[in-house]
Protein backbone atom coordinates (compact mmCIF):
# COMPACT_ATOMS: atom_id res chain seq x y z
CA MET A 1 8.12 -19.43 -95.49
CA THR A 2 5.33 -18.07 -93.32
CA ASP A 3 5.35 -15.82 -90.27
CA SER A 4 3.82 -17.20 -87.10
CA VAL A 5 2.93 -15.47 -83.86
CA ASP A 6 4.36 -17.15 -80.78
CA PRO A 7 1.49 -18.11 -78.44
CA ALA A 8 3.34 -16.90 -75.31
CA PRO A 9 3.66 -13.08 -75.24
CA GLU A 10 6.61 -11.66 -73.31
CA THR A 11 6.47 -8.57 -71.10
CA GLY A 12 9.42 -6.43 -70.22
CA LEU A 13 8.53 -6.06 -66.52
CA LEU A 14 6.85 -8.08 -63.77
CA GLY A 15 4.64 -7.17 -60.82
CA SER A 16 2.92 -3.80 -60.54
CA ALA A 17 5.20 -2.35 -63.20
CA ALA A 18 3.67 -4.79 -65.72
CA ALA A 19 0.62 -2.54 -66.01
CA HIS A 20 2.88 0.04 -67.66
CA ALA A 21 4.87 -2.41 -69.75
CA THR A 22 4.28 -2.87 -73.45
CA THR A 23 3.56 -6.48 -74.31
CA ARG A 24 5.62 -7.61 -77.26
CA VAL A 25 4.81 -10.82 -79.09
CA PRO A 26 7.64 -12.58 -80.92
CA VAL A 27 7.00 -13.30 -84.59
CA ARG A 28 8.82 -16.34 -85.93
CA SER A 29 9.74 -17.41 -89.41
CA GLY A 30 10.44 -21.10 -88.99
CA SER A 31 12.63 -21.32 -85.90
CA ARG A 32 14.12 -17.82 -86.28
CA LEU A 33 12.94 -14.53 -84.81
CA ALA A 34 11.42 -12.48 -87.63
CA GLY A 35 10.42 -9.55 -85.43
CA LEU A 36 8.29 -8.30 -82.56
CA VAL A 37 4.81 -6.86 -82.61
CA THR A 38 3.21 -4.97 -79.73
CA MET A 39 -0.25 -6.01 -78.63
CA GLU A 40 -1.36 -2.42 -79.20
CA ARG A 41 -0.34 -2.51 -82.88
CA LEU A 42 -1.73 -6.01 -83.31
CA LEU A 43 -5.12 -5.05 -81.88
CA ALA A 44 -5.22 -1.77 -83.85
CA ALA A 45 -4.42 -3.48 -87.16
CA THR A 46 -7.11 -4.00 -89.74
CA PRO A 47 -8.48 -7.56 -90.03
CA ASP A 48 -6.73 -8.04 -93.38
CA ALA A 49 -3.33 -6.75 -92.17
CA VAL A 50 -0.31 -9.00 -92.54
CA VAL A 51 1.75 -9.37 -89.36
CA SER A 52 4.96 -8.45 -91.20
CA GLU A 53 3.39 -5.05 -91.99
CA VAL A 54 2.79 -4.17 -88.32
CA MET A 55 5.77 -5.83 -86.62
CA ASP A 56 9.19 -4.39 -85.83
CA ALA A 57 11.40 -6.38 -88.20
CA ASP A 58 14.59 -5.15 -86.52
CA PRO A 59 14.02 -5.64 -82.78
CA PRO A 60 16.79 -5.41 -80.19
CA THR A 61 18.47 -8.78 -79.73
CA VAL A 62 21.21 -10.30 -77.61
CA ALA A 63 23.94 -12.16 -79.46
CA SER A 64 25.44 -15.29 -78.00
CA ARG A 65 29.16 -15.69 -77.62
CA GLY A 66 30.42 -18.12 -80.08
């Protein structure tokens, strides 16, 4: 099982507030969310870093009613 970075980063805010928003990129393991990584941490990571070492493995989530 490998981690993959979703090609479409999500931002928390739109418009002029987006300049102050932290861009978080979803990290997937198969079809499941494995975590989130901020662009800041991703860009600051060493070239040999593994995404699972710099991501938040316990991000806030919304559960569906079931």
